[in-house]
């Protein structure tokens, strides 16, 4: 997830207390990642969380980053683990809120079909169910909040 935009990784990283968040909107050099992790180890941090969006510039995903770190002998003593967000999301049970939202969206989609709408999607906007033309969303890209990006640097 995050091949073209890093808003999910950015928000997940802040919410999860990540020390480093790599997203497509910023260019990240592997050498900078290595340096950051080494500085955290020097500060005697017991563990670090690095969130990597699928399309992070300079890194071809979390598995690639792990391989790059593993090839550096200075990381031999570090336990590196990769957790793919998409796998985690699919593996968890839905909450009550998830079930209610899914039921509302499903019912609204059926109503839209009955009313003759096609090429639309149903979504929730400010608590209200809305139809949006698929033509209006195909090329839209959700942008990141650069203030959040600055916040990650302050928090880590």
N, C-alpha and C. Protein backbone atom coordinates (compact mmCIF):
# COMPACT_ATOMS: atom_id res chain seq x y z
N UNK A 1 0.84 -1.18 0.00
CA UNK A 1 0.00 0.00 0.00
C UNK A 1 0.89 1.24 0.00
N UNK A 2 0.43 2.26 -0.66
CA UNK A 2 1.21 3.48 -0.71
C UNK A 2 2.14 3.57 -1.89
N UNK A 3 1.76 2.90 -2.99
CA UNK A 3 2.62 2.95 -4.17
C UNK A 3 2.76 4.36 -4.72
N UNK A 4 1.66 5.11 -4.72
CA UNK A 4 1.67 6.45 -5.31
C UNK A 4 1.53 7.58 -4.29
N UNK A 5 1.09 7.27 -3.09
CA UNK A 5 0.87 8.30 -2.08
C UNK A 5 1.14 7.73 -0.69
N UNK A 6 1.72 8.55 0.17
CA UNK A 6 2.15 8.07 1.47
C UNK A 6 1.26 8.43 2.64
N UNK A 7 0.01 8.86 2.39
CA UNK A 7 -0.82 9.31 3.51
C UNK A 7 -1.14 8.19 4.48
N UNK A 8 -1.32 6.97 4.00
CA UNK A 8 -1.60 5.85 4.91
C UNK A 8 -0.37 5.56 5.77
N UNK A 9 0.78 5.47 5.13
CA UNK A 9 2.03 5.20 5.87
C UNK A 9 2.32 6.31 6.87
N UNK A 10 2.10 7.55 6.46
CA UNK A 10 2.37 8.68 7.34
C UNK A 10 1.49 8.63 8.59
N UNK A 11 0.20 8.44 8.40
CA UNK A 11 -0.71 8.39 9.54
C UNK A 11 -0.48 7.14 10.39
N UNK A 12 -0.22 6.00 9.75
CA UNK A 12 0.07 4.78 10.50
C UNK A 12 1.35 4.91 11.31
N UNK A 13 2.35 5.53 10.69
CA UNK A 13 3.62 5.70 11.37
C UNK A 13 3.51 6.59 12.59
N UNK A 14 2.79 7.69 12.46
CA UNK A 14 2.59 8.57 13.62
C UNK A 14 1.80 7.85 14.70
N UNK A 15 0.72 7.19 14.28
CA UNK A 15 -0.12 6.46 15.24
C UNK A 15 0.62 5.33 15.93
N UNK A 16 1.57 4.71 15.24
CA UNK A 16 2.30 3.58 15.80
C UNK A 16 3.62 3.96 16.45
N UNK A 17 3.95 5.25 16.46
CA UNK A 17 5.18 5.70 17.10
C UNK A 17 6.45 5.37 16.33
N UNK A 18 6.36 5.39 15.00
CA UNK A 18 7.52 5.07 14.17
C UNK A 18 8.62 6.12 14.30
N UNK A 19 9.84 5.65 14.25
CA UNK A 19 10.98 6.55 14.29
C UNK A 19 11.33 7.07 12.89
N UNK A 20 10.91 6.36 11.88
CA UNK A 20 11.23 6.73 10.50
C UNK A 20 10.07 6.31 9.60
N UNK A 21 9.63 7.22 8.73
CA UNK A 21 8.53 6.95 7.81
C UNK A 21 9.00 7.29 6.40
N UNK A 22 9.00 6.30 5.53
CA UNK A 22 9.47 6.47 4.16
C UNK A 22 8.28 6.45 3.21
N UNK A 23 8.09 7.55 2.48
CA UNK A 23 6.92 7.70 1.62
C UNK A 23 7.34 8.19 0.23
N UNK A 24 6.49 8.01 -0.78
CA UNK A 24 6.83 8.43 -2.14
C UNK A 24 7.05 9.93 -2.30
N UNK A 25 6.45 10.73 -1.45
CA UNK A 25 6.54 12.19 -1.59
C UNK A 25 7.90 12.75 -1.19
N UNK A 26 8.72 11.94 -0.54
CA UNK A 26 10.05 12.41 -0.13
C UNK A 26 11.10 11.43 -0.64
N UNK A 27 12.23 11.95 -1.04
CA UNK A 27 13.33 11.10 -1.51
C UNK A 27 14.13 10.64 -0.30
N UNK A 28 14.30 9.33 -0.20
CA UNK A 28 15.03 8.76 0.93
C UNK A 28 16.16 7.91 0.40
N UNK A 29 17.35 8.17 0.87
CA UNK A 29 18.51 7.38 0.50
C UNK A 29 18.70 6.27 1.54
N UNK A 30 19.06 5.09 1.08
CA UNK A 30 19.31 3.97 1.99
C UNK A 30 20.37 4.36 3.01
N UNK A 31 21.37 5.10 2.60
CA UNK A 31 22.43 5.51 3.53
C UNK A 31 21.87 6.35 4.66
N UNK A 32 20.85 7.19 4.37
CA UNK A 32 20.23 8.00 5.41
C UNK A 32 19.45 7.12 6.39
N UNK A 33 18.80 6.09 5.87
CA UNK A 33 18.06 5.15 6.73
C UNK A 33 19.04 4.43 7.66
N UNK A 34 20.13 3.95 7.10
CA UNK A 34 21.14 3.26 7.91
C UNK A 34 21.69 4.18 9.00
N UNK A 35 21.98 5.40 8.62
CA UNK A 35 22.51 6.38 9.59
C UNK A 35 21.51 6.64 10.71
N UNK A 36 20.24 6.78 10.35
CA UNK A 36 19.20 7.05 11.35
C UNK A 36 19.08 5.87 12.32
N UNK A 37 19.07 4.67 11.81
CA UNK A 37 18.95 3.49 12.68
C UNK A 37 20.17 3.37 13.58
N UNK A 38 21.34 3.62 13.03
CA UNK A 38 22.56 3.58 13.86
C UNK A 38 22.51 4.64 14.96
N UNK A 39 21.99 5.83 14.64
CA UNK A 39 21.91 6.87 15.68
C UNK A 39 20.92 6.47 16.77
N UNK A 40 19.86 5.78 16.40
CA UNK A 40 18.91 5.29 17.41
C UNK A 40 19.55 4.23 18.29
N UNK A 41 20.35 3.34 17.68
CA UNK A 41 21.04 2.31 18.44
C UNK A 41 22.05 2.94 19.39
N UNK A 42 22.74 3.97 18.93
CA UNK A 42 23.71 4.67 19.77
C UNK A 42 23.03 5.30 20.98
N UNK A 43 21.80 5.76 20.76
CA UNK A 43 21.02 6.36 21.86
C UNK A 43 20.42 5.28 22.76
N UNK A 44 20.81 4.05 22.53
CA UNK A 44 20.37 2.88 23.30
C UNK A 44 18.88 2.64 23.21
N UNK A 45 18.34 2.92 22.05
CA UNK A 45 16.94 2.56 21.79
C UNK A 45 16.89 1.05 21.58
N UNK A 46 16.00 0.40 22.29
CA UNK A 46 15.92 -1.06 22.20
C UNK A 46 15.31 -1.54 20.89
N UNK A 47 14.42 -0.74 20.32
CA UNK A 47 13.81 -1.13 19.06
C UNK A 47 13.39 0.12 18.31
N UNK A 48 13.21 -0.05 17.02
CA UNK A 48 12.77 1.07 16.18
C UNK A 48 11.73 0.56 15.21
N UNK A 49 10.79 1.41 14.93
CA UNK A 49 9.77 1.09 13.93
C UNK A 49 10.03 1.97 12.72
N UNK A 50 10.15 1.33 11.56
CA UNK A 50 10.32 2.04 10.30
C UNK A 50 9.13 1.67 9.43
N UNK A 51 8.35 2.66 9.04
CA UNK A 51 7.20 2.43 8.16
C UNK A 51 7.63 2.78 6.75
N UNK A 52 7.39 1.85 5.83
CA UNK A 52 7.81 2.03 4.43
C UNK A 52 6.59 1.89 3.53
N UNK A 53 6.22 2.99 2.87
CA UNK A 53 5.16 2.91 1.86
C UNK A 53 5.69 2.13 0.67
N UNK A 54 4.82 1.45 -0.02
CA UNK A 54 5.22 0.61 -1.15
C UNK A 54 6.06 1.37 -2.18
N UNK A 55 5.71 2.61 -2.45
CA UNK A 55 6.41 3.38 -3.46
C UNK A 55 7.40 4.38 -2.91
N UNK A 56 7.92 4.13 -1.73
CA UNK A 56 8.85 5.09 -1.11
C UNK A 56 10.02 5.34 -2.04
N UNK A 57 10.31 6.60 -2.29
CA UNK A 57 11.40 6.98 -3.19
C UNK A 57 12.73 6.52 -2.63
N UNK A 58 13.50 5.84 -3.46
CA UNK A 58 14.81 5.37 -3.05
C UNK A 58 14.79 3.99 -2.41
N UNK A 59 13.61 3.49 -2.10
CA UNK A 59 13.46 2.18 -1.47
C UNK A 59 12.34 1.45 -2.18
N UNK A 60 12.57 0.21 -2.57
CA UNK A 60 11.54 -0.55 -3.28
C UNK A 60 10.76 -1.43 -2.32
N UNK A 61 10.25 -0.86 -1.27
CA UNK A 61 9.44 -1.60 -0.32
C UNK A 61 10.23 -2.06 0.89
N UNK A 62 9.48 -2.55 1.88
CA UNK A 62 10.07 -2.94 3.16
C UNK A 62 11.01 -4.14 3.02
N UNK A 63 10.64 -5.10 2.18
CA UNK A 63 11.50 -6.28 2.02
C UNK A 63 12.84 -5.89 1.39
N UNK A 64 12.80 -4.98 0.43
CA UNK A 64 14.03 -4.48 -0.19
C UNK A 64 14.90 -3.77 0.84
N UNK A 65 14.27 -2.95 1.66
CA UNK A 65 15.02 -2.24 2.70
C UNK A 65 15.66 -3.24 3.66
N UNK A 66 14.92 -4.25 4.06
CA UNK A 66 15.47 -5.27 4.96
C UNK A 66 16.68 -5.95 4.31
N UNK A 67 16.57 -6.29 3.02
CA UNK A 67 17.70 -6.92 2.32
C UNK A 67 18.91 -5.99 2.27
N UNK A 68 18.66 -4.70 2.03
CA UNK A 68 19.75 -3.73 1.99
C UNK A 68 20.45 -3.62 3.35
N UNK A 69 19.64 -3.59 4.41
CA UNK A 69 20.22 -3.52 5.76
C UNK A 69 20.96 -4.80 6.10
N UNK A 70 20.37 -5.93 5.73
CA UNK A 70 20.97 -7.22 6.03
C UNK A 70 22.32 -7.38 5.33
N UNK A 71 22.48 -6.76 4.15
CA UNK A 71 23.75 -6.86 3.42
C UNK A 71 24.86 -6.03 4.05
N UNK A 72 24.52 -5.18 4.99
CA UNK A 72 25.49 -4.34 5.69
C UNK A 72 25.87 -5.05 6.99
N UNK A 73 27.15 -5.38 7.14
CA UNK A 73 27.59 -6.16 8.31
C UNK A 73 27.33 -5.45 9.64
N UNK A 74 27.18 -4.12 9.62
CA UNK A 74 26.92 -3.42 10.87
C UNK A 74 25.50 -3.69 11.40
N UNK A 75 24.69 -4.36 10.60
CA UNK A 75 23.33 -4.72 11.03
C UNK A 75 23.20 -6.20 11.37
N UNK A 76 24.34 -6.91 11.44
CA UNK A 76 24.31 -8.35 11.70
C UNK A 76 23.64 -8.71 13.02
N UNK A 77 23.82 -7.88 14.04
CA UNK A 77 23.29 -8.19 15.36
C UNK A 77 21.87 -7.66 15.58
N UNK A 78 21.29 -7.08 14.57
CA UNK A 78 19.96 -6.49 14.71
C UNK A 78 18.92 -7.44 14.15
N UNK A 79 17.87 -7.66 14.92
CA UNK A 79 16.75 -8.50 14.48
C UNK A 79 15.83 -7.64 13.60
N UNK A 80 15.85 -7.88 12.31
CA UNK A 80 15.02 -7.12 11.37
C UNK A 80 13.78 -7.93 11.02
N UNK A 81 12.62 -7.30 11.11
CA UNK A 81 11.37 -7.98 10.79
C UNK A 81 10.53 -7.10 9.87
N UNK A 82 9.79 -7.75 8.99
CA UNK A 82 8.91 -7.03 8.06
C UNK A 82 7.49 -7.48 8.31
N UNK A 83 6.59 -6.53 8.42
CA UNK A 83 5.16 -6.81 8.57
C UNK A 83 4.45 -6.04 7.45
N UNK A 84 3.76 -6.74 6.58
CA UNK A 84 3.07 -6.11 5.46
C UNK A 84 1.67 -5.68 5.92
N UNK A 85 1.40 -4.37 5.87
CA UNK A 85 0.14 -3.82 6.36
C UNK A 85 -1.08 -4.49 5.73
N UNK A 86 -1.03 -4.69 4.43
CA UNK A 86 -2.17 -5.30 3.74
C UNK A 86 -2.51 -6.67 4.30
N UNK A 87 -1.48 -7.45 4.66
CA UNK A 87 -1.72 -8.76 5.25
C UNK A 87 -2.35 -8.64 6.63
N UNK A 88 -1.87 -7.67 7.40
CA UNK A 88 -2.40 -7.44 8.74
C UNK A 88 -3.85 -7.00 8.67
N UNK A 89 -4.17 -6.10 7.75
CA UNK A 89 -5.53 -5.60 7.63
C UNK A 89 -6.51 -6.72 7.28
N UNK A 90 -6.10 -7.59 6.39
CA UNK A 90 -6.99 -8.67 5.97
C UNK A 90 -7.14 -9.74 7.06
N UNK A 91 -6.21 -9.76 8.01
CA UNK A 91 -6.22 -10.82 8.99
C UNK A 91 -7.03 -10.53 10.24
N UNK A 92 -7.47 -9.30 10.42
CA UNK A 92 -8.16 -8.96 11.66
C UNK A 92 -9.67 -9.02 11.52
N UNK A 93 -10.35 -9.28 12.61
CA UNK A 93 -11.81 -9.30 12.56
C UNK A 93 -12.38 -7.88 12.47
N UNK A 94 -13.50 -7.72 11.78
CA UNK A 94 -14.11 -6.38 11.70
C UNK A 94 -14.67 -5.96 13.05
N UNK A 95 -14.60 -4.67 13.32
CA UNK A 95 -15.20 -4.13 14.53
C UNK A 95 -16.69 -3.92 14.29
N UNK A 96 -17.41 -3.61 15.33
CA UNK A 96 -18.84 -3.32 15.18
C UNK A 96 -19.05 -2.14 14.24
N UNK A 97 -18.19 -1.13 14.36
CA UNK A 97 -18.29 0.04 13.48
C UNK A 97 -18.07 -0.36 12.02
N UNK A 98 -17.09 -1.25 11.78
CA UNK A 98 -16.85 -1.74 10.42
C UNK A 98 -18.08 -2.42 9.85
N UNK A 99 -18.73 -3.24 10.67
CA UNK A 99 -19.91 -3.98 10.20
C UNK A 99 -21.08 -3.04 9.89
N UNK A 100 -21.27 -2.05 10.74
CA UNK A 100 -22.36 -1.09 10.50
C UNK A 100 -22.09 -0.30 9.23
N UNK A 101 -20.86 0.19 9.08
CA UNK A 101 -20.51 0.96 7.88
C UNK A 101 -20.67 0.11 6.62
N UNK A 102 -20.19 -1.12 6.65
CA UNK A 102 -20.32 -2.01 5.49
C UNK A 102 -21.78 -2.25 5.14
N UNK A 103 -22.62 -2.43 6.14
CA UNK A 103 -24.05 -2.64 5.90
C UNK A 103 -24.69 -1.41 5.28
N UNK A 104 -24.34 -0.23 5.80
CA UNK A 104 -24.89 1.02 5.26
C UNK A 104 -24.44 1.23 3.81
N UNK A 105 -23.16 1.01 3.55
CA UNK A 105 -22.64 1.20 2.20
C UNK A 105 -23.25 0.19 1.23
N UNK A 106 -23.38 -1.05 1.65
CA UNK A 106 -23.99 -2.08 0.80
C UNK A 106 -25.43 -1.75 0.46
N UNK A 107 -26.19 -1.33 1.46
CA UNK A 107 -27.60 -0.99 1.22
C UNK A 107 -27.70 0.23 0.29
N UNK A 108 -26.83 1.21 0.49
CA UNK A 108 -26.85 2.41 -0.37
C UNK A 108 -26.45 2.05 -1.80
N UNK A 109 -25.54 1.12 -1.96
CA UNK A 109 -25.15 0.69 -3.31
C UNK A 109 -26.31 0.02 -4.03
N UNK A 110 -27.06 -0.81 -3.32
CA UNK A 110 -28.24 -1.46 -3.91
C UNK A 110 -29.28 -0.41 -4.28
N UNK A 111 -29.51 0.53 -3.38
CA UNK A 111 -30.47 1.61 -3.68
C UNK A 111 -30.03 2.40 -4.92
N UNK A 112 -28.75 2.66 -5.04
CA UNK A 112 -28.24 3.40 -6.20
C UNK A 112 -28.49 2.63 -7.49
N UNK A 113 -28.28 1.33 -7.45
CA UNK A 113 -28.55 0.50 -8.64
C UNK A 113 -30.03 0.51 -8.99
N UNK A 114 -30.86 0.37 -7.99
CA UNK A 114 -32.32 0.38 -8.21
C UNK A 114 -32.76 1.72 -8.81
N UNK A 115 -32.12 2.80 -8.36
CA UNK A 115 -32.45 4.14 -8.86
C UNK A 115 -31.83 4.44 -10.22
N UNK A 116 -31.11 3.46 -10.80
CA UNK A 116 -30.56 3.63 -12.14
C UNK A 116 -29.17 4.21 -12.22
N UNK A 117 -28.49 4.37 -11.09
CA UNK A 117 -27.13 4.90 -11.11
C UNK A 117 -26.15 3.80 -11.50
N UNK A 118 -25.17 4.16 -12.31
CA UNK A 118 -24.07 3.24 -12.57
C UNK A 118 -22.78 4.05 -12.66
N UNK A 119 -21.67 3.36 -12.65
CA UNK A 119 -20.36 4.00 -12.68
C UNK A 119 -20.19 5.00 -11.53
N UNK A 120 -20.71 4.63 -10.38
CA UNK A 120 -20.56 5.44 -9.18
C UNK A 120 -20.09 4.55 -8.04
N UNK A 121 -19.56 5.19 -7.02
CA UNK A 121 -19.23 4.47 -5.79
C UNK A 121 -19.95 5.15 -4.63
N UNK A 122 -20.19 4.37 -3.61
CA UNK A 122 -20.83 4.90 -2.41
C UNK A 122 -19.75 5.12 -1.38
N UNK A 123 -19.79 6.26 -0.74
CA UNK A 123 -18.84 6.55 0.31
C UNK A 123 -19.49 7.37 1.39
N UNK A 124 -18.77 7.56 2.46
CA UNK A 124 -19.28 8.35 3.57
C UNK A 124 -18.47 9.64 3.64
N UNK A 125 -19.16 10.77 3.60
CA UNK A 125 -18.54 12.08 3.68
C UNK A 125 -19.20 12.83 4.82
N UNK A 126 -18.42 13.17 5.83
CA UNK A 126 -18.93 13.87 7.02
C UNK A 126 -20.16 13.18 7.60
N UNK A 127 -20.10 11.87 7.66
CA UNK A 127 -21.18 11.10 8.27
C UNK A 127 -22.36 10.81 7.35
N UNK A 128 -22.38 11.38 6.16
CA UNK A 128 -23.49 11.16 5.22
C UNK A 128 -23.02 10.29 4.07
N UNK A 129 -23.92 9.41 3.59
CA UNK A 129 -23.59 8.57 2.45
C UNK A 129 -23.77 9.38 1.18
N UNK A 130 -22.77 9.32 0.30
CA UNK A 130 -22.77 10.10 -0.94
C UNK A 130 -22.37 9.19 -2.10
N UNK A 131 -22.92 9.49 -3.28
CA UNK A 131 -22.49 8.83 -4.50
C UNK A 131 -21.46 9.71 -5.19
N UNK A 132 -20.41 9.07 -5.68
CA UNK A 132 -19.36 9.80 -6.39
C UNK A 132 -19.11 9.08 -7.71
N UNK A 133 -19.07 9.84 -8.79
CA UNK A 133 -18.80 9.28 -10.11
C UNK A 133 -17.41 8.68 -10.14
N UNK A 134 -17.29 7.47 -10.70
CA UNK A 134 -15.97 6.85 -10.79
C UNK A 134 -15.04 7.67 -11.67
N UNK A 135 -15.60 8.39 -12.64
CA UNK A 135 -14.78 9.25 -13.48
C UNK A 135 -14.12 10.38 -12.72
N UNK A 136 -14.72 10.77 -11.60
CA UNK A 136 -14.16 11.86 -10.79
C UNK A 136 -13.04 11.42 -9.86
N UNK A 137 -12.90 10.11 -9.67
CA UNK A 137 -11.92 9.66 -8.69
C UNK A 137 -10.73 8.93 -9.29
N UNK A 138 -10.84 8.54 -10.54
CA UNK A 138 -9.81 7.70 -11.15
C UNK A 138 -8.42 8.28 -11.12
N UNK A 139 -8.28 9.56 -11.36
CA UNK A 139 -6.95 10.16 -11.42
C UNK A 139 -6.63 11.06 -10.24
N UNK A 140 -7.47 11.05 -9.24
CA UNK A 140 -7.21 11.89 -8.07
C UNK A 140 -6.19 11.22 -7.17
N UNK A 141 -5.33 12.01 -6.61
CA UNK A 141 -4.31 11.51 -5.70
C UNK A 141 -4.46 12.25 -4.38
N UNK A 142 -4.59 11.50 -3.30
CA UNK A 142 -4.69 12.12 -1.99
C UNK A 142 -3.31 12.61 -1.58
N UNK A 143 -3.26 13.86 -1.19
CA UNK A 143 -1.97 14.44 -0.82
C UNK A 143 -1.72 14.24 0.68
N UNK A 144 -0.47 14.35 1.03
CA UNK A 144 -0.12 14.22 2.44
C UNK A 144 -0.15 15.60 3.09
N UNK A 145 -0.27 15.59 4.39
CA UNK A 145 -0.20 16.81 5.18
C UNK A 145 1.27 16.98 5.58
N UNK A 146 1.94 17.96 4.97
CA UNK A 146 3.36 18.14 5.23
C UNK A 146 3.65 18.56 6.67
N UNK A 147 2.66 19.09 7.36
CA UNK A 147 2.84 19.39 8.79
C UNK A 147 2.98 18.09 9.58
N UNK A 148 2.26 17.04 9.16
CA UNK A 148 2.41 15.74 9.81
C UNK A 148 3.80 15.17 9.55
N UNK A 149 4.29 15.39 8.35
CA UNK A 149 5.63 14.91 8.02
C UNK A 149 6.67 15.58 8.92
N UNK A 150 6.53 16.88 9.16
CA UNK A 150 7.42 17.59 10.08
C UNK A 150 7.26 17.03 11.50
N UNK A 151 6.02 16.73 11.87
CA UNK A 151 5.75 16.19 13.20
C UNK A 151 6.49 14.87 13.44
N UNK A 152 6.58 14.04 12.42
CA UNK A 152 7.28 12.75 12.59
C UNK A 152 8.74 12.98 12.95
N UNK A 153 9.33 14.00 12.37
CA UNK A 153 10.73 14.29 12.67
C UNK A 153 10.90 14.79 14.09
N UNK A 154 9.93 15.55 14.58
CA UNK A 154 9.98 16.06 15.95
C UNK A 154 9.77 14.93 16.94
N UNK A 155 8.80 14.05 16.68
CA UNK A 155 8.47 13.00 17.61
C UNK A 155 9.52 11.91 17.70
N UNK A 156 10.24 11.71 16.60
CA UNK A 156 11.22 10.61 16.64
C UNK A 156 12.54 11.12 17.17
